[in-house]
């Protein structure tokens, strides 16, 4: 991959997403594996006049969050934190403490299965302002979402409750009162941890371990996966769950709806997959930091394509395409709606 594309991605993160200011103190959490990408981010940040520190994680992989749970005050000296290692640190106690102190935290896990740098991927060039406008159009129609019903042609039929939880739009940026963001451009709704029920047929990706090479059917009861289809792909997914050595990873804690029109769901990049316009994902495991209360040893997403999504009886998406007309909260939903964004 051409280095100029990676430099473009680093400049995008610093100037268009974080909008780093002179004299701010920024910490880039990284690892040996992503050292070169961290250097590009550091170089872009120093051009703004900010003070930049690199913090290396010794334990990369699915349990990287353990260190940040055991050291909740580690980000106290900084104004801005970027999580730029393989795995997300957003749902950790250190991140939660940083946000409580109004520090700005960007979750940017750089894991790819292709070996290419995520900073150079084309989805990084999506317009964050346009993505935010799209997401807010949806949230204005469902300001206090209570229950979602999601189906797909392959057999997904899920009921999800989020009563009392606050949805948000991630677009890499921050705004007053919103001190964390993600490189995954999406609508994020923390869901009630013991209420998801029904069938998920996942045909997009299994997050960090890549593309679903064939659809996998799984059953949810009382918020938890109770059965995963006994196939080659189903067994691959089971093995990944088991690698966390934590039964709390089987609990669904997030409903995400992809917003990035430049993303593809092809299993090369975890963030690109879950950002992809026309998909939804269930975030499994830990959801503290997102607005939930569930504690687990990690967090990853099951991405599914082309859903029909209704929230509180309002059609939000039809076969992976957002509806053009989203009714106001007191306006009845229309049976037939024209479609955009596909």
Protein backbone atom coordinates (compact mmCIF):
# COMPACT_ATOMS: atom_id res chain seq x y z
CA UNK A 1 0.00 0.00 0.00
CA UNK A 2 1.32 3.43 -0.95
CA UNK A 3 2.63 5.36 2.05
CA UNK A 4 0.87 8.54 0.92
CA UNK A 5 -2.48 6.85 1.53
CA UNK A 6 -1.47 6.02 5.08
CA UNK A 7 -0.27 9.60 5.60
CA UNK A 8 -3.62 10.83 4.26
CA UNK A 9 -5.42 8.62 6.76
CA UNK A 10 -3.30 9.90 9.66
CA UNK A 11 -3.96 13.52 8.67
CA UNK A 12 -7.68 12.76 8.43
CA UNK A 13 -7.73 11.35 11.96
CA UNK A 14 -5.86 14.29 13.49
CA UNK A 15 -7.36 17.21 11.57
CA UNK A 16 -10.86 16.14 10.48
CA UNK A 17 -11.84 13.76 13.28
CA UNK A 18 -10.07 14.77 16.48
CA UNK A 19 -9.39 18.37 15.38
CA UNK A 20 -6.39 18.47 17.68
CA UNK A 21 -5.47 21.88 19.09
CA UNK A 22 -2.13 23.49 19.84
CA UNK A 23 -0.81 22.80 23.34
CA UNK A 24 -3.14 19.83 23.89
CA UNK A 25 -1.58 16.66 25.29
CA UNK A 26 -2.29 13.53 23.29
CA UNK A 27 -1.54 9.88 24.05
CA UNK A 28 -1.41 7.27 21.28
CA UNK A 29 -1.90 3.75 22.66
CA UNK A 30 -0.18 1.36 20.27
CA UNK A 31 1.96 -1.76 19.99
CA UNK A 32 5.06 -2.93 18.17
CA UNK A 33 2.82 -4.32 15.44
CA UNK A 34 1.38 -0.88 14.69
CA UNK A 35 4.44 1.25 15.48
CA UNK A 36 4.78 2.69 11.96
CA UNK A 37 1.13 3.73 11.92
CA UNK A 38 1.57 5.34 15.34
CA UNK A 39 4.54 7.31 13.99
CA UNK A 40 2.38 8.65 11.15
CA UNK A 41 -0.29 9.73 13.64
CA UNK A 42 2.37 11.30 15.84
CA UNK A 43 3.86 13.25 12.92
CA UNK A 44 0.44 14.57 11.91
CA UNK A 45 -0.30 15.55 15.51
CA UNK A 46 2.99 17.37 16.04
CA UNK A 47 2.23 19.60 13.05
CA UNK A 48 -0.61 21.09 15.12
CA UNK A 49 1.73 22.04 17.97
CA UNK A 50 0.32 19.43 20.33
CA UNK A 51 2.44 17.42 22.77
CA UNK A 52 2.34 13.71 21.84
CA UNK A 53 3.25 10.59 23.79
CA UNK A 54 3.26 6.96 22.64
CA UNK A 55 2.08 4.30 25.11
CA UNK A 56 2.94 0.72 24.16
CA UNK A 57 0.80 -2.21 25.23
CA UNK A 58 2.83 -5.27 26.12
CA UNK A 59 -0.06 -7.71 25.78
CA UNK A 60 -1.62 -7.42 22.33
CA UNK A 61 -4.66 -9.51 21.42
CA UNK A 62 -8.13 -10.12 22.78
CA UNK A 63 -7.11 -9.57 26.42
CA UNK A 64 -5.41 -6.21 25.85
CA UNK A 65 -8.16 -4.48 27.83
CA UNK A 66 -7.08 -6.18 31.07
CA UNK A 67 -4.21 -3.72 31.61
CA UNK A 68 -6.52 -0.73 31.19
CA UNK A 69 -9.01 -2.20 33.63
CA UNK A 70 -6.26 -2.65 36.21
CA UNK A 71 -4.92 0.91 35.68
CA UNK A 72 -8.05 3.10 35.44
CA UNK A 73 -6.19 6.42 36.00
CA UNK A 74 -3.49 5.91 33.40
CA UNK A 75 -4.93 8.54 31.04
CA UNK A 76 -5.14 11.31 33.66
CA UNK A 77 -2.22 13.38 32.22
CA UNK A 78 -3.75 13.65 28.74
CA UNK A 79 -6.43 15.68 26.97
CA UNK A 80 -6.86 13.32 24.01
CA UNK A 81 -6.35 9.55 23.77
CA UNK A 82 -6.24 7.41 20.61
CA UNK A 83 -6.50 3.65 20.98
CA UNK A 84 -4.41 2.57 17.99
CA UNK A 85 -3.44 -1.02 18.74
CA UNK A 86 -5.04 -4.17 17.33
CA UNK A 87 -8.02 -4.28 19.68
CA UNK A 88 -10.38 -1.65 21.07
CA UNK A 89 -9.76 -0.10 24.49
CA UNK A 90 -13.03 1.85 24.43
CA UNK A 91 -14.93 -0.52 26.70
CA UNK A 92 -12.35 -0.45 29.53
CA UNK A 93 -12.31 1.14 32.98
CA UNK A 94 -9.47 3.49 31.99
CA UNK A 95 -11.48 4.73 29.02
CA UNK A 96 -14.58 5.12 31.17
CA UNK A 97 -12.61 7.12 33.76
CA UNK A 98 -11.10 9.33 31.06
CA UNK A 99 -14.54 10.15 29.65
CA UNK A 100 -15.84 10.92 33.13
CA UNK A 101 -13.08 13.56 33.30
CA UNK A 102 -14.18 14.99 29.89
CA UNK A 103 -11.08 13.78 28.07
CA UNK A 104 -11.57 12.98 24.38
CA UNK A 105 -11.04 9.33 23.47
CA UNK A 106 -11.02 7.86 19.98
CA UNK A 107 -11.29 4.11 19.59
CA UNK A 108 -9.35 3.09 16.47
CA UNK A 109 -8.44 -0.61 16.54
CA UNK A 110 -6.15 -1.17 13.57
CA UNK A 111 -6.62 -4.92 13.16
CA UNK A 112 -6.78 -6.17 9.57
CA UNK A 113 -6.69 -9.66 8.12
CA UNK A 114 -5.02 -8.49 4.90
CA UNK A 115 -1.81 -7.20 6.49
CA UNK A 116 -2.42 -3.75 4.98
CA UNK A 117 -2.62 -0.64 7.14
CA UNK A 118 -6.15 0.49 7.96
CA UNK A 119 -4.98 4.10 7.66
CA UNK A 120 -4.66 3.60 3.90
CA UNK A 121 -8.10 2.10 3.31
CA UNK A 122 -10.51 4.18 1.21
CA UNK A 123 -13.29 4.08 3.82
CA UNK A 124 -11.13 6.42 5.93
CA UNK A 125 -11.89 9.19 3.40
CA UNK A 126 -15.67 9.24 3.99
CA UNK A 127 -17.06 12.67 4.87
CA UNK A 128 -17.67 12.63 8.65
CA UNK A 129 -20.10 15.55 8.50
CA UNK A 130 -22.28 13.83 5.93
CA UNK A 131 -22.22 10.61 7.93
CA UNK A 132 -23.22 12.50 11.08
CA UNK A 133 -26.15 14.13 9.25
CA UNK A 134 -27.37 10.73 8.04
CA UNK A 135 -27.18 9.25 11.50
CA UNK A 136 -28.91 12.17 13.19
CA UNK A 137 -31.79 11.96 10.71
CA UNK A 138 -32.42 8.46 12.01
CA UNK A 139 -32.03 9.40 15.67
CA UNK A 140 -34.48 12.29 15.34
CA UNK A 141 -37.12 9.75 14.35
CA UNK A 142 -36.30 7.51 17.33
CA UNK A 143 -35.07 9.88 20.08
CA UNK A 144 -35.85 7.43 22.91
CA UNK A 145 -35.76 3.97 21.30
CA UNK A 146 -37.37 1.15 23.23
CA UNK A 147 -37.52 -1.98 21.08
CA UNK A 148 -36.10 -3.10 17.74
CA UNK A 149 -37.20 -5.89 15.42
CA UNK A 150 -34.64 -6.99 12.82
CA UNK A 151 -35.17 -9.51 10.02
CA UNK A 152 -33.28 -10.63 6.91
CA UNK A 153 -34.12 -12.82 3.93
CA UNK A 154 -31.73 -15.47 5.21
CA UNK A 155 -33.76 -15.97 8.39
CA UNK A 156 -32.64 -13.42 10.98
CA UNK A 157 -35.56 -12.63 13.29
CA UNK A 158 -34.38 -10.73 16.36
CA UNK A 159 -36.09 -8.71 19.08
CA UNK A 160 -33.84 -6.28 20.94
CA UNK A 161 -34.68 -3.98 23.86
CA UNK A 162 -32.87 -0.70 24.61
CA UNK A 163 -35.45 0.99 26.81
CA UNK A 164 -33.76 3.78 28.78
CA UNK A 165 -30.48 3.65 26.84
CA UNK A 166 -29.17 6.60 24.82
CA UNK A 167 -28.21 6.11 21.15
CA UNK A 168 -25.36 8.01 19.54
CA UNK A 169 -23.66 8.52 16.18
CA UNK A 170 -19.99 7.71 15.75
CA UNK A 171 -18.17 9.55 12.98
CA UNK A 172 -14.65 9.92 14.39
CA UNK A 173 -15.50 13.35 15.81
CA UNK A 174 -16.35 14.86 19.19
CA UNK A 175 -18.82 17.52 20.25
CA UNK A 176 -19.85 19.11 23.59
CA UNK A 177 -20.98 16.45 26.05
CA UNK A 178 -19.80 13.67 23.75
CA UNK A 179 -16.24 12.82 24.74
CA UNK A 180 -15.70 9.52 22.97
CA UNK A 181 -15.90 8.45 19.39
CA UNK A 182 -14.95 5.61 17.09
CA UNK A 183 -13.37 5.13 13.70
CA UNK A 184 -16.36 2.90 13.04
CA UNK A 185 -18.92 5.23 11.45
CA UNK A 186 -22.21 3.96 12.84
CA UNK A 187 -25.32 4.46 14.89
CA UNK A 188 -24.55 2.86 18.24
CA UNK A 189 -27.30 1.88 20.68
CA UNK A 190 -26.37 0.19 23.98
CA UNK A 191 -29.01 -2.48 24.54
CA UNK A 192 -30.45 -4.14 27.61
CA UNK A 193 -28.13 -7.03 28.27
CA UNK A 194 -30.68 -9.75 29.07
CA UNK A 195 -33.46 -9.06 26.58
CA UNK A 196 -32.25 -10.00 23.06
CA UNK A 197 -34.12 -13.01 21.72
CA UNK A 198 -34.65 -14.83 18.46
CA UNK A 199 -32.48 -15.92 15.53
CA UNK A 200 -29.42 -14.28 13.99
CA UNK A 201 -28.12 -15.54 10.64
CA UNK A 202 -24.76 -13.79 10.39
CA UNK A 203 -23.51 -13.51 6.80
CA UNK A 204 -21.15 -10.52 6.98
CA UNK A 205 -18.15 -10.87 9.23
CA UNK A 206 -17.04 -12.22 12.58
CA UNK A 207 -15.20 -9.07 13.51
CA UNK A 208 -11.49 -9.65 14.20
CA UNK A 209 -11.40 -13.11 12.60
CA UNK A 210 -12.74 -11.94 9.26
CA UNK A 211 -15.44 -12.71 6.73
CA UNK A 212 -18.24 -15.18 7.36
CA UNK A 213 -17.43 -17.62 4.57
CA UNK A 214 -20.94 -19.01 4.87
CA UNK A 215 -23.95 -17.79 6.90
CA UNK A 216 -24.06 -19.01 10.49
CA UNK A 217 -27.31 -19.39 12.39
CA UNK A 218 -27.38 -18.75 16.12
CA UNK A 219 -30.09 -18.57 18.78
CA UNK A 220 -30.46 -15.85 21.42
CA UNK A 221 -32.41 -16.32 24.62
CA UNK A 222 -32.56 -13.80 27.47
CA UNK A 223 -29.83 -11.74 25.85
CA UNK A 224 -27.35 -14.57 25.42
CA UNK A 225 -26.30 -16.88 22.57
CA UNK A 226 -27.48 -20.33 23.56
CA UNK A 227 -26.77 -22.18 20.32
CA UNK A 228 -24.42 -21.75 17.36
CA UNK A 229 -24.95 -23.80 14.21
CA UNK A 230 -22.76 -26.90 14.00
CA UNK A 231 -20.97 -26.17 10.74
CA UNK A 232 -17.36 -25.40 9.81
CA UNK A 233 -17.97 -21.66 10.10
CA UNK A 234 -20.13 -22.08 13.18
CA UNK A 235 -17.36 -24.05 14.86
CA UNK A 236 -14.79 -21.40 13.89
CA UNK A 237 -16.95 -18.79 15.60
CA UNK A 238 -17.41 -21.02 18.67
CA UNK A 239 -13.65 -21.42 18.98
CA UNK A 240 -13.24 -17.66 18.89
CA UNK A 241 -15.81 -17.17 21.65
CA UNK A 242 -14.08 -19.85 23.71
CA UNK A 243 -10.70 -18.14 23.32
CA UNK A 244 -11.94 -15.34 25.61
CA UNK A 245 -12.46 -17.88 28.41
CA UNK A 246 -15.42 -15.85 29.61
CA UNK A 247 -19.09 -16.89 29.38
CA UNK A 248 -20.10 -13.21 29.55
CA UNK A 249 -18.84 -12.79 25.97
CA UNK A 250 -21.99 -14.58 24.76
CA UNK A 251 -24.16 -11.63 25.91
CA UNK A 252 -25.28 -9.05 23.33
CA UNK A 253 -24.66 -5.50 24.55
CA UNK A 254 -24.84 -3.24 21.48
CA UNK A 255 -26.90 -2.69 18.35
CA UNK A 256 -24.88 -0.96 15.65
CA UNK A 257 -26.03 0.24 12.22
CA UNK A 258 -23.31 0.97 9.65
CA UNK A 259 -23.16 4.46 8.10
CA UNK A 260 -20.00 4.55 5.97
CA UNK A 261 -20.80 4.56 2.22
CA UNK A 262 -17.16 3.86 1.35
CA UNK A 263 -16.88 0.76 3.53
CA UNK A 264 -17.03 -2.81 2.23
CA UNK A 265 -17.95 -5.82 4.32
CA UNK A 266 -15.41 -8.30 2.98
CA UNK A 267 -13.58 -9.37 6.14
CA UNK A 268 -10.31 -7.52 5.56
CA UNK A 269 -10.76 -4.97 8.33
CA UNK A 270 -12.85 -5.17 11.50
CA UNK A 271 -13.68 -1.44 11.55
CA UNK A 272 -14.53 -1.34 7.86
CA UNK A 273 -16.88 -4.32 8.19
CA UNK A 274 -18.92 -2.92 11.08
CA UNK A 275 -19.02 0.57 9.49
CA UNK A 276 -20.42 -0.68 6.20
CA UNK A 277 -23.60 1.04 5.03
CA UNK A 278 -26.28 -1.60 4.53
CA UNK A 279 -25.30 -3.72 7.54
CA UNK A 280 -26.08 -3.99 11.22
CA UNK A 281 -24.05 -5.59 13.96
CA UNK A 282 -24.52 -7.00 17.41
CA UNK A 283 -21.72 -6.05 19.79
CA UNK A 284 -20.95 -9.05 21.98
CA UNK A 285 -19.52 -8.88 25.49
CA UNK A 286 -18.50 -5.76 27.35
CA UNK A 287 -20.54 -2.59 26.74
CA UNK A 288 -19.39 -0.28 29.53
CA UNK A 289 -18.16 2.93 27.93
CA UNK A 290 -20.96 2.61 25.37
CA UNK A 291 -23.69 3.31 27.90
CA UNK A 292 -24.31 -0.21 29.17
CA UNK A 293 -23.46 -2.03 32.37
CA UNK A 294 -22.20 -5.42 31.17
CA UNK A 295 -18.69 -6.44 32.15
CA UNK A 296 -16.80 -9.03 30.10
CA UNK A 297 -13.23 -9.72 29.03
CA UNK A 298 -13.67 -8.07 25.63
CA UNK A 299 -15.99 -6.79 22.92
CA UNK A 300 -16.43 -7.77 19.28
CA UNK A 301 -19.13 -7.54 16.63
CA UNK A 302 -21.17 -9.90 14.49
CA UNK A 303 -21.92 -8.09 11.21
CA UNK A 304 -24.96 -9.01 9.10
CA UNK A 305 -25.94 -7.72 5.66
CA UNK A 306 -29.15 -6.27 4.18
CA UNK A 307 -31.44 -6.10 7.22
CA UNK A 308 -34.98 -4.85 7.61
CA UNK A 309 -34.96 -2.79 10.83
CA UNK A 310 -37.97 -1.46 12.70
CA UNK A 311 -37.58 0.50 15.93
CA UNK A 312 -40.72 1.20 17.95
CA UNK A 313 -42.75 0.34 14.86
CA UNK A 314 -40.90 2.83 12.63
CA UNK A 315 -39.22 1.37 9.55
CA UNK A 316 -35.60 2.55 9.60
CA UNK A 317 -34.06 0.29 6.96
CA UNK A 318 -35.36 -2.00 4.24
CA UNK A 319 -33.04 -4.70 2.87
CA UNK A 320 -30.00 -2.71 3.95
CA UNK A 321 -31.13 0.67 2.61
CA UNK A 322 -32.22 3.52 4.86
CA UNK A 323 -35.68 4.83 4.14
CA UNK A 324 -35.79 8.29 2.61
CA UNK A 325 -38.63 9.55 4.75
CA UNK A 326 -38.18 8.98 8.45
CA UNK A 327 -41.27 10.12 10.36
CA UNK A 328 -41.08 12.44 13.33
CA UNK A 329 -41.89 10.82 16.70
CA UNK A 330 -45.57 11.83 16.52
CA UNK A 331 -45.99 11.04 12.82
CA UNK A 332 -47.35 7.64 11.72
CA UNK A 333 -45.01 5.46 9.72
CA UNK A 334 -45.82 5.01 6.04
CA UNK A 335 -46.31 1.56 4.57
CA UNK A 336 -44.36 2.34 1.43
CA UNK A 337 -41.26 4.53 1.62
CA UNK A 338 -38.79 5.54 -1.08
CA UNK A 339 -35.20 4.61 -0.42
CA UNK A 340 -31.82 6.37 -0.53
CA UNK A 341 -28.14 5.83 0.36
CA UNK A 342 -27.61 2.67 -1.61
